[in-house]
Amino acid sequence: MAGRSSIKFDKSTLTKGQLRKLDSLRRSVGDEIGERAFAAWLAKQPKPVVVEEDHDAVLIVDTLWPLVRDGSLAIPRGGYLLRRGRHRVIVEPARS
């Protein structure tokens, strides 16, 4: 039987689904062919789109996180909805 393949994948950069596909290919067609097939499949996958960070959301998180951490502010499951009103900010529980 042939030895281990020379193709190496950094498993820490692969998603859970990608790891499952790699393991499945290795089991079904063998290590060497499975890793070559996975490398070809991975090269054809579209690259993830990088989304710009919302500066306003970052400002809100940076302002509220210290209050949440020290216990003076509790945000329940489901969170809150922030809206702009006439010269004010309206905060109400988010509805599902």
PDB file of N, CA and C in Angstrom:
ATOM      1  N   MET A   1       0.852  -1.175   0.000  1.00  0.00           N
ATOM      2  CA  MET A   1       0.000   0.000   0.000  1.00  0.00           C
ATOM      3  C   MET A   1       0.897   1.236   0.000  1.00  0.00           C
ATOM      4  N   ALA A   2       0.451   2.270  -0.663  1.00  0.00           N
ATOM      5  CA  ALA A   2       1.241   3.489  -0.793  1.00  0.00           C
ATOM      6  C   ALA A   2       1.293   4.235   0.536  1.00  0.00           C
ATOM      7  N   GLY A   3       2.342   5.059   0.710  1.00  0.00           N
ATOM      8  CA  GLY A   3       2.502   5.847   1.924  1.00  0.00           C
ATOM      9  C   GLY A   3       1.604   7.062   1.912  1.00  0.00           C
ATOM     10  N   ARG A   4       1.756   7.882   2.904  1.00  0.00           N
ATOM     11  CA  ARG A   4       0.937   9.074   3.023  1.00  0.00           C
ATOM     12  C   ARG A   4       1.227  10.035   1.877  1.00  0.00           C
ATOM     13  N   SER A   5       0.233  10.815   1.497  1.00  0.00           N
ATOM     14  CA  SER A   5       0.344  11.751   0.394  1.00  0.00           C
ATOM     15  C   SER A   5       1.240  12.923   0.776  1.00  0.00           C
ATOM     16  N   SER A   6       1.827  13.541  -0.242  1.00  0.00           N
ATOM     17  CA  SER A   6       2.687  14.686   0.017  1.00  0.00           C
ATOM     18  C   SER A   6       1.897  15.985   0.112  1.00  0.00           C
ATOM     19  N   ILE A   7       0.605  15.974  -0.245  1.00  0.00           N
ATOM     20  CA  ILE A   7      -0.225  17.168  -0.147  1.00  0.00           C
ATOM     21  C   ILE A   7      -0.595  17.360   1.319  1.00  0.00           C
ATOM     22  N   LYS A   8      -0.308  18.542   1.855  1.00  0.00           N
ATOM     23  CA  LYS A   8      -0.606  18.828   3.252  1.00  0.00           C
ATOM     24  C   LYS A   8      -1.630  19.960   3.324  1.00  0.00           C
ATOM     25  N   PHE A   9      -2.599  19.808   4.201  1.00  0.00           N
ATOM     26  CA  PHE A   9      -3.608  20.841   4.426  1.00  0.00           C
ATOM     27  C   PHE A   9      -3.494  21.316   5.854  1.00  0.00           C
ATOM     28  N   ASP A  10      -3.594  22.620   6.040  1.00  0.00           N
ATOM     29  CA  ASP A  10      -3.621  23.184   7.387  1.00  0.00           C
ATOM     30  C   ASP A  10      -5.045  23.033   7.902  1.00  0.00           C
ATOM     31  N   LYS A  11      -5.250  22.044   8.750  1.00  0.00           N
ATOM     32  CA  LYS A  11      -6.607  21.731   9.204  1.00  0.00           C
ATOM     33  C   LYS A  11      -7.229  22.860  10.015  1.00  0.00           C
ATOM     34  N   SER A  12      -6.414  23.735  10.589  1.00  0.00           N
ATOM     35  CA  SER A  12      -6.979  24.827  11.381  1.00  0.00           C
ATOM     36  C   SER A  12      -7.662  25.878  10.499  1.00  0.00           C
ATOM     37  N   THR A  13      -7.317  25.913   9.206  1.00  0.00           N
ATOM     38  CA  THR A  13      -7.934  26.897   8.316  1.00  0.00           C
ATOM     39  C   THR A  13      -9.157  26.342   7.598  1.00  0.00           C
ATOM     40  N   LEU A  14      -9.394  25.026   7.692  1.00  0.00           N
ATOM     41  CA  LEU A  14     -10.541  24.417   7.022  1.00  0.00           C
ATOM     42  C   LEU A  14     -11.775  24.473   7.920  1.00  0.00           C
ATOM     43  N   THR A  15     -12.928  24.623   7.280  1.00  0.00           N
ATOM     44  CA  THR A  15     -14.180  24.616   8.034  1.00  0.00           C
ATOM     45  C   THR A  15     -14.559  23.175   8.378  1.00  0.00           C
ATOM     46  N   LYS A  16     -15.567  23.034   9.220  1.00  0.00           N
ATOM     47  CA  LYS A  16     -16.013  21.698   9.617  1.00  0.00           C
ATOM     48  C   LYS A  16     -16.507  20.906   8.394  1.00  0.00           C
ATOM     49  N   GLY A  17     -17.233  21.561   7.511  1.00  0.00           N
ATOM     50  CA  GLY A  17     -17.727  20.902   6.309  1.00  0.00           C
ATOM     51  C   GLY A  17     -16.602  20.476   5.383  1.00  0.00           C
ATOM     52  N   GLN A  18     -15.573  21.331   5.254  1.00  0.00           N
ATOM     53  CA  GLN A  18     -14.422  20.982   4.419  1.00  0.00           C
ATOM     54  C   GLN A  18     -13.660  19.801   5.000  1.00  0.00           C
ATOM     55  N   LEU A  19     -13.514  19.754   6.319  1.00  0.00           N
ATOM     56  CA  LEU A  19     -12.849  18.614   6.951  1.00  0.00           C
ATOM     57  C   LEU A  19     -13.630  17.325   6.728  1.00  0.00           C
ATOM     58  N   ARG A  20     -14.956  17.411   6.801  1.00  0.00           N
ATOM     59  CA  ARG A  20     -15.783  16.235   6.556  1.00  0.00           C
ATOM     60  C   ARG A  20     -15.617  15.738   5.127  1.00  0.00           C
ATOM     61  N   LYS A  21     -15.572  16.673   4.173  1.00  0.00           N
ATOM     62  CA  LYS A  21     -15.400  16.296   2.770  1.00  0.00           C
ATOM     63  C   LYS A  21     -14.044  15.645   2.559  1.00  0.00           C
ATOM     64  N   LEU A  22     -12.993  16.214   3.141  1.00  0.00           N
ATOM     65  CA  LEU A  22     -11.648  15.644   3.018  1.00  0.00           C
ATOM     66  C   LEU A  22     -11.604  14.237   3.601  1.00  0.00           C
ATOM     67  N   ASP A  23     -12.150  14.056   4.787  1.00  0.00           N
ATOM     68  CA  ASP A  23     -12.151  12.731   5.415  1.00  0.00           C
ATOM     69  C   ASP A  23     -12.969  11.729   4.601  1.00  0.00           C
ATOM     70  N   SER A  24     -14.093  12.185   4.061  1.00  0.00           N
ATOM     71  CA  SER A  24     -14.934  11.310   3.258  1.00  0.00           C
ATOM     72  C   SER A  24     -14.215  10.874   1.980  1.00  0.00           C
ATOM     73  N   LEU A  25     -13.549  11.812   1.324  1.00  0.00           N
ATOM     74  CA  LEU A  25     -12.802  11.466   0.114  1.00  0.00           C
ATOM     75  C   LEU A  25     -11.654  10.514   0.434  1.00  0.00           C
ATOM     76  N   ARG A  26     -10.964  10.740   1.536  1.00  0.00           N
ATOM     77  CA  ARG A  26      -9.867   9.841   1.923  1.00  0.00           C
ATOM     78  C   ARG A  26     -10.379   8.422   2.160  1.00  0.00           C
ATOM     79  N   ARG A  27     -11.541   8.308   2.820  1.00  0.00           N
ATOM     80  CA  ARG A  27     -12.102   6.982   3.102  1.00  0.00           C
ATOM     81  C   ARG A  27     -12.582   6.287   1.831  1.00  0.00           C
ATOM     82  N   SER A  28     -13.166   7.057   0.908  1.00  0.00           N
ATOM     83  CA  SER A  28     -13.787   6.422  -0.249  1.00  0.00           C
ATOM     84  C   SER A  28     -12.786   6.027  -1.338  1.00  0.00           C
ATOM     85  N   VAL A  29     -11.781   6.853  -1.605  1.00  0.00           N
ATOM     86  CA  VAL A  29     -10.859   6.548  -2.709  1.00  0.00           C
ATOM     87  C   VAL A  29      -9.408   6.426  -2.271  1.00  0.00           C
ATOM     88  N   GLY A  30      -9.136   6.520  -0.999  1.00  0.00           N
ATOM     89  CA  GLY A  30      -7.767   6.423  -0.503  1.00  0.00           C
ATOM     90  C   GLY A  30      -7.182   7.790  -0.212  1.00  0.00           C
ATOM     91  N   ASP A  31      -6.101   7.783   0.563  1.00  0.00           N
ATOM     92  CA  ASP A  31      -5.509   9.044   1.030  1.00  0.00           C
ATOM     93  C   ASP A  31      -4.988   9.907  -0.119  1.00  0.00           C
ATOM     94  N   GLU A  32      -4.170   9.341  -0.964  1.00  0.00           N
ATOM     95  CA  GLU A  32      -3.497  10.138  -1.998  1.00  0.00           C
ATOM     96  C   GLU A  32      -4.487  10.712  -3.006  1.00  0.00           C
ATOM     97  N   ILE A  33      -5.346   9.863  -3.566  1.00  0.00           N
ATOM     98  CA  ILE A  33      -6.319  10.325  -4.563  1.00  0.00           C
ATOM     99  C   ILE A  33      -7.337  11.256  -3.905  1.00  0.00           C
ATOM    100  N   GLY A  34      -7.748  10.937  -2.684  1.00  0.00           N
ATOM    101  CA  GLY A  34      -8.703  11.776  -1.978  1.00  0.00           C
ATOM    102  C   GLY A  34      -8.168  13.173  -1.718  1.00  0.00           C
ATOM    103  N   GLU A  35      -6.891  13.267  -1.347  1.00  0.00           N
ATOM    104  CA  GLU A  35      -6.310  14.586  -1.083  1.00  0.00           C
ATOM    105  C   GLU A  35      -6.131  15.376  -2.376  1.00  0.00           C
ATOM    106  N   ARG A  36      -5.778  14.701  -3.461  1.00  0.00           N
ATOM    107  CA  ARG A  36      -5.680  15.408  -4.752  1.00  0.00           C
ATOM    108  C   ARG A  36      -7.051  15.896  -5.202  1.00  0.00           C
ATOM    109  N   ALA A  37      -8.076  15.060  -5.039  1.00  0.00           N
ATOM    110  CA  ALA A  37      -9.436  15.453  -5.415  1.00  0.00           C
ATOM    111  C   ALA A  37      -9.916  16.616  -4.550  1.00  0.00           C
ATOM    112  N   PHE A  38      -9.595  16.572  -3.256  1.00  0.00           N
ATOM    113  CA  PHE A  38     -10.002  17.654  -2.355  1.00  0.00           C
ATOM    114  C   PHE A  38      -9.291  18.954  -2.723  1.00  0.00           C
ATOM    115  N   ALA A  39      -8.011  18.872  -3.065  1.00  0.00           N
ATOM    116  CA  ALA A  39      -7.263  20.073  -3.452  1.00  0.00           C
ATOM    117  C   ALA A  39      -7.853  20.695  -4.715  1.00  0.00           C
ATOM    118  N   ALA A  40      -8.241  19.853  -5.678  1.00  0.00           N
ATOM    119  CA  ALA A  40      -8.853  20.366  -6.902  1.00  0.00           C
ATOM    120  C   ALA A  40     -10.210  20.992  -6.595  1.00  0.00           C
ATOM    121  N   TRP A  41     -11.006  20.329  -5.748  1.00  0.00           N
ATOM    122  CA  TRP A  41     -12.316  20.862  -5.376  1.00  0.00           C
ATOM    123  C   TRP A  41     -12.170  22.187  -4.635  1.00  0.00           C
ATOM    124  N   LEU A  42     -11.217  22.248  -3.708  1.00  0.00           N
ATOM    125  CA  LEU A  42     -11.012  23.456  -2.909  1.00  0.00           C
ATOM    126  C   LEU A  42     -10.570  24.630  -3.779  1.00  0.00           C
ATOM    127  N   ALA A  43      -9.768  24.352  -4.815  1.00  0.00           N
ATOM    128  CA  ALA A  43      -9.305  25.425  -5.703  1.00  0.00           C
ATOM    129  C   ALA A  43     -10.455  26.010  -6.517  1.00  0.00           C
ATOM    130  N   LYS A  44     -11.489  25.221  -6.780  1.00  0.00           N
ATOM    131  CA  LYS A  44     -12.623  25.697  -7.577  1.00  0.00           C
ATOM    132  C   LYS A  44     -13.636  26.475  -6.750  1.00  0.00           C
ATOM    133  N   GLN A  45     -13.564  26.397  -5.432  1.00  0.00           N
ATOM    134  CA  GLN A  45     -14.538  27.066  -4.572  1.00  0.00           C
ATOM    135  C   GLN A  45     -14.336  28.576  -4.616  1.00  0.00           C
ATOM    136  N   PRO A  46     -15.445  29.339  -4.609  1.00  0.00           N
ATOM    137  CA  PRO A  46     -15.312  30.804  -4.618  1.00  0.00           C
ATOM    138  C   PRO A  46     -14.697  31.300  -3.307  1.00  0.00           C
ATOM    139  N   LYS A  47     -13.932  32.332  -3.412  1.00  0.00           N
ATOM    140  CA  LYS A  47     -13.307  32.934  -2.236  1.00  0.00           C
ATOM    141  C   LYS A  47     -14.367  33.693  -1.444  1.00  0.00           C
ATOM    142  N   PRO A  48     -14.287  33.670  -0.097  1.00  0.00           N
ATOM    143  CA  PRO A  48     -15.285  34.385   0.706  1.00  0.00           C
ATOM    144  C   PRO A  48     -15.197  35.891   0.481  1.00  0.00           C
ATOM    145  N   VAL A  49     -16.365  36.524   0.491  1.00  0.00           N
ATOM    146  CA  VAL A  49     -16.453  37.968   0.310  1.00  0.00           C
ATOM    147  C   VAL A  49     -16.136  38.640   1.634  1.00  0.00           C
ATOM    148  N   VAL A  50     -15.244  39.605   1.605  1.00  0.00           N
ATOM    149  CA  VAL A  50     -14.878  40.337   2.817  1.00  0.00           C
ATOM    150  C   VAL A  50     -15.848  41.502   2.975  1.00  0.00           C
ATOM    151  N   VAL A  51     -16.537  41.535   4.104  1.00  0.00           N
ATOM    152  CA  VAL A  51     -17.518  42.575   4.378  1.00  0.00           C
ATOM    153  C   VAL A  51     -16.855  43.660   5.218  1.00  0.00           C
ATOM    154  N   GLU A  52     -17.082  44.902   4.797  1.00  0.00           N
ATOM    155  CA  GLU A  52     -16.520  46.011   5.574  1.00  0.00           C
ATOM    156  C   GLU A  52     -17.186  46.087   6.935  1.00  0.00           C
ATOM    157  N   GLU A  53     -16.413  46.520   7.917  1.00  0.00           N
ATOM    158  CA  GLU A  53     -16.923  46.641   9.275  1.00  0.00           C
ATOM    159  C   GLU A  53     -17.774  47.908   9.387  1.00  0.00           C
ATOM    160  N   ASP A  54     -18.918  47.794  10.028  1.00  0.00           N
ATOM    161  CA  ASP A  54     -19.812  48.933  10.237  1.00  0.00           C
ATOM    162  C   ASP A  54     -19.264  49.743  11.410  1.00  0.00           C
ATOM    163  N   HIS A  55     -18.808  50.944  11.140  1.00  0.00           N
ATOM    164  CA  HIS A  55     -18.158  51.765  12.170  1.00  0.00           C
ATOM    165  C   HIS A  55     -19.124  52.163  13.283  1.00  0.00           C
ATOM    166  N   ASP A  56     -20.394  52.373  12.935  1.00  0.00           N
ATOM    167  CA  ASP A  56     -21.378  52.722  13.962  1.00  0.00           C
ATOM    168  C   ASP A  56     -21.631  51.547  14.897  1.00  0.00           C
ATOM    169  N   ALA A  57     -21.706  50.334  14.339  1.00  0.00           N
ATOM    170  CA  ALA A  57     -21.910  49.147  15.170  1.00  0.00           C
ATOM    171  C   ALA A  57     -20.715  48.932  16.098  1.00  0.00           C
ATOM    172  N   VAL A  58     -19.513  49.179  15.593  1.00  0.00           N
ATOM    173  CA  VAL A  58     -18.308  49.044  16.420  1.00  0.00           C
ATOM    174  C   VAL A  58     -18.336  50.050  17.561  1.00  0.00           C
ATOM    175  N   LEU A  59     -18.768  51.263  17.289  1.00  0.00           N
ATOM    176  CA  LEU A  59     -18.853  52.295  18.326  1.00  0.00           C
ATOM    177  C   LEU A  59     -19.856  51.895  19.410  1.00  0.00           C
ATOM    178  N   ILE A  60     -21.005  51.333  18.997  1.00  0.00           N
ATOM    179  CA  ILE A  60     -22.015  50.896  19.972  1.00  0.00           C
ATOM    180  C   ILE A  60     -21.465  49.765  20.837  1.00  0.00           C
ATOM    181  N   VAL A  61     -20.815  48.785  20.210  1.00  0.00           N
ATOM    182  CA  VAL A  61     -20.247  47.659  20.964  1.00  0.00           C
ATOM    183  C   VAL A  61     -19.171  48.144  21.929  1.00  0.00           C
ATOM    184  N   ASP A  62     -18.283  49.006  21.451  1.00  0.00           N
ATOM    185  CA  ASP A  62     -17.211  49.516  22.319  1.00  0.00           C
ATOM    186  C   ASP A  62     -17.756  50.316  23.491  1.00  0.00           C
ATOM    187  N   THR A  63     -18.890  50.970  23.307  1.00  0.00           N
ATOM    188  CA  THR A  63     -19.487  51.756  24.377  1.00  0.00           C
ATOM    189  C   THR A  63     -20.213  50.878  25.390  1.00  0.00           C
ATOM    190  N   LEU A  64     -20.948  49.872  24.909  1.00  0.00           N
ATOM    191  CA  LEU A  64     -21.785  49.072  25.801  1.00  0.00           C
ATOM    192  C   LEU A  64     -21.072  47.877  26.434  1.00  0.00           C
ATOM    193  N   TRP A  65     -20.037  47.329  25.777  1.00  0.00           N
ATOM    194  CA  TRP A  65     -19.405  46.111  26.277  1.00  0.00           C
ATOM    195  C   TRP A  65     -18.833  46.254  27.685  1.00  0.00           C
ATOM    196  N   PRO A  66     -18.166  47.350  28.038  1.00  0.00           N
ATOM    197  CA  PRO A  66     -17.693  47.474  29.424  1.00  0.00           C
ATOM    198  C   PRO A  66     -18.833  47.443  30.448  1.00  0.00           C
ATOM    199  N   LEU A  67     -19.991  47.983  30.101  1.00  0.00           N
ATOM    200  CA  LEU A  67     -21.140  47.958  31.008  1.00  0.00           C
ATOM    201  C   LEU A  67     -21.696  46.542  31.158  1.00  0.00           C
ATOM    202  N   VAL A  68     -21.706  45.782  30.059  1.00  0.00           N
ATOM    203  CA  VAL A  68     -22.172  44.395  30.120  1.00  0.00           C
ATOM    204  C   VAL A  68     -21.200  43.566  30.953  1.00  0.00           C
ATOM    205  N   ARG A  69     -19.916  43.777  30.755  1.00  0.00           N
ATOM    206  CA  ARG A  69     -18.895  42.993  31.448  1.00  0.00           C
ATOM    207  C   ARG A  69     -18.921  43.221  32.956  1.00  0.00           C
ATOM    208  N   ASP A  70     -19.139  44.456  33.401  1.00  0.00           N
ATOM    209  CA  ASP A  70     -19.138  44.699  34.853  1.00  0.00           C
ATOM    210  C   ASP A  70     -20.509  44.469  35.491  1.00  0.00           C
ATOM    211  N   GLY A  71     -21.517  44.071  34.696  1.00  0.00           N
ATOM    212  CA  GLY A  71     -22.805  43.680  35.245  1.00  0.00           C
ATOM    213  C   GLY A  71     -23.818  44.800  35.409  1.00  0.00           C
ATOM    214  N   SER A  72     -23.497  46.009  35.008  1.00  0.00           N
ATOM    215  CA  SER A  72     -24.454  47.099  35.176  1.00  0.00           C
ATOM    216  C   SER A  72     -25.449  47.201  34.012  1.00  0.00           C
ATOM    217  N   LEU A  73     -25.256  46.379  32.977  1.00  0.00           N
ATOM    218  CA  LEU A  73     -26.180  46.357  31.851  1.00  0.00           C
ATOM    219  C   LEU A  73     -26.386  44.907  31.429  1.00  0.00           C
ATOM    220  N   ALA A  74     -27.639  44.496  31.325  1.00  0.00           N
ATOM    221  CA  ALA A  74     -27.956  43.142  30.875  1.00  0.00           C
ATOM    222  C   ALA A  74     -28.783  43.233  29.605  1.00  0.00           C
ATOM    223  N   ILE A  75     -28.342  42.531  28.570  1.00  0.00           N
ATOM    224  CA  ILE A  75     -29.091  42.506  27.313  1.00  0.00           C
ATOM    225  C   ILE A  75     -29.723  41.124  27.202  1.00  0.00           C
ATOM    226  N   PRO A  76     -31.068  41.054  27.247  1.00  0.00           N
ATOM    227  CA  PRO A  76     -31.726  39.749  27.226  1.00  0.00           C
ATOM    228  C   PRO A  76     -31.613  39.089  25.857  1.00  0.00           C
ATOM    229  N   ARG A  77     -31.912  37.793  25.833  1.00  0.00           N
ATOM    230  CA  ARG A  77     -31.914  37.056  24.580  1.00  0.00           C
ATOM    231  C   ARG A  77     -32.927  37.706  23.647  1.00  0.00           C
ATOM    232  N   GLY A  78     -32.543  37.893  22.406  1.00  0.00           N
ATOM    233  CA  GLY A  78     -33.411  38.570  21.451  1.00  0.00           C
ATOM    234  C   GLY A  78     -32.999  40.013  21.255  1.00  0.00           C
ATOM    235  N   GLY A  79     -32.380  40.602  22.273  1.00  0.00           N
ATOM    236  CA  GLY A  79     -31.825  41.935  22.155  1.00  0.00           C
ATOM    237  C   GLY A  79     -32.832  43.066  22.076  1.00  0.00           C
ATOM    238  N   TYR A  80     -32.369  44.181  21.604  1.00  0.00           N
ATOM    239  CA  TYR A  80     -33.161  45.393  21.494  1.00  0.00           C
ATOM    240  C   TYR A  80     -33.082  45.939  20.081  1.00  0.00           C
ATOM    241  N   LEU A  81     -34.053  46.749  19.745  1.00  0.00           N
ATOM    242  CA  LEU A  81     -34.091  47.435  18.469  1.00  0.00           C
ATOM    243  C   LEU A  81     -33.872  48.924  18.741  1.00  0.00           C
ATOM    244  N   LEU A  82     -32.898  49.496  18.073  1.00  0.00           N
ATOM    245  CA  LEU A  82     -32.618  50.924  18.212  1.00  0.00           C
ATOM    246  C   LEU A  82     -33.155  51.637  16.974  1.00  0.00           C
ATOM    247  N   ARG A  83     -33.942  52.689  17.203  1.00  0.00           N
ATOM    248  CA  ARG A  83     -34.469  53.492  16.106  1.00  0.00           C
ATOM    249  C   ARG A  83     -34.238  54.957  16.413  1.00  0.00           C
ATOM    250  N   ARG A  84     -34.204  55.723  15.363  1.00  0.00           N
ATOM    251  CA  ARG A  84     -34.110  57.162  15.545  1.00  0.00           C
ATOM    252  C   ARG A  84     -35.505  57.749  15.592  1.00  0.00           C
ATOM    253  N   GLY A  85     -35.726  58.598  16.564  1.00  0.00           N
ATOM    254  CA  GLY A  85     -36.989  59.323  16.666  1.00  0.00           C
ATOM    255  C   GLY A  85     -36.719  60.793  16.416  1.00  0.00           C
ATOM    256  N   ARG A  86     -37.683  61.614  16.738  1.00  0.00           N
ATOM    257  CA  ARG A  86     -37.481  63.055  16.594  1.00  0.00           C
ATOM    258  C   ARG A  86     -36.559  63.544  17.700  1.00  0.00           C
ATOM    259  N   HIS A  87     -35.348  63.801  17.368  1.00  0.00           N
ATOM    260  CA  HIS A  87     -34.319  64.312  18.287  1.00  0.00           C
ATOM    261  C   HIS A  87     -34.061  63.371  19.458  1.00  0.00           C
ATOM    262  N   ARG A  88     -34.246  62.072  19.247  1.00  0.00           N
ATOM    263  CA  ARG A  88     -33.962  61.109  20.314  1.00  0.00           C
ATOM    264  C   ARG A  88     -33.711  59.740  19.700  1.00  0.00           C
ATOM    265  N   VAL A  89     -33.250  58.818  20.522  1.00  0.00           N
ATOM    266  CA  VAL A  89     -33.062  57.426  20.125  1.00  0.00           C
ATOM    267  C   VAL A  89     -34.103  56.600  20.861  1.00  0.00           C
ATOM    268  N   ILE A  90     -34.829  55.758  20.137  1.00  0.00           N
ATOM    269  CA  ILE A  90     -35.867  54.922  20.725  1.00  0.00           C
ATOM    270  C   ILE A  90     -35.319  53.514  20.859  1.00  0.00           C
ATOM    271  N   VAL A  91     -35.360  52.981  22.075  1.00  0.00           N
ATOM    272  CA  VAL A  91     -34.892  51.623  22.365  1.00  0.00           C
ATOM    273  C   VAL A  91     -36.083  50.797  22.793  1.00  0.00           C
ATOM    274  N   GLU A  92     -36.333  49.698  22.062  1.00  0.00           N
ATOM    275  CA  GLU A  92     -37.445  48.827  22.422  1.00  0.00           C
ATOM    276  C   GLU A  92     -37.040  47.384  22.233  1.00  0.00           C
ATOM    277  N   PRO A  93     -37.661  46.449  22.977  1.00  0.00           N
ATOM    278  CA  PRO A  93     -37.310  45.031  22.813  1.00  0.00           C
ATOM    279  C   PRO A  93     -37.572  44.568  21.382  1.00  0.00           C
ATOM    280  N   ALA A  94     -36.682  43.764  20.874  1.00  0.00           N
ATOM    281  CA  ALA A  94     -36.862  43.218  19.520  1.00  0.00           C
ATOM    282  C   ALA A  94     -37.921  42.147  19.555  1.00  0.00           C
ATOM    283  N   ARG A  95     -38.746  42.115  18.547  1.00  0.00           N
ATOM    284  CA  ARG A  95     -39.814  41.117  18.456  1.00  0.00           C
ATOM    285  C   ARG A  95     -39.411  40.070  17.435  1.00  0.00           C
ATOM    286  N   SER A  96     -39.789  38.838  17.706  1.00  0.00           N
ATOM    287  CA  SER A  96     -39.439  37.756  16.787  1.00  0.00           C
ATOM    288  C   SER A  96     -40.428  37.673  15.663  1.00  0.00           C
TER     289      SER A  96
END
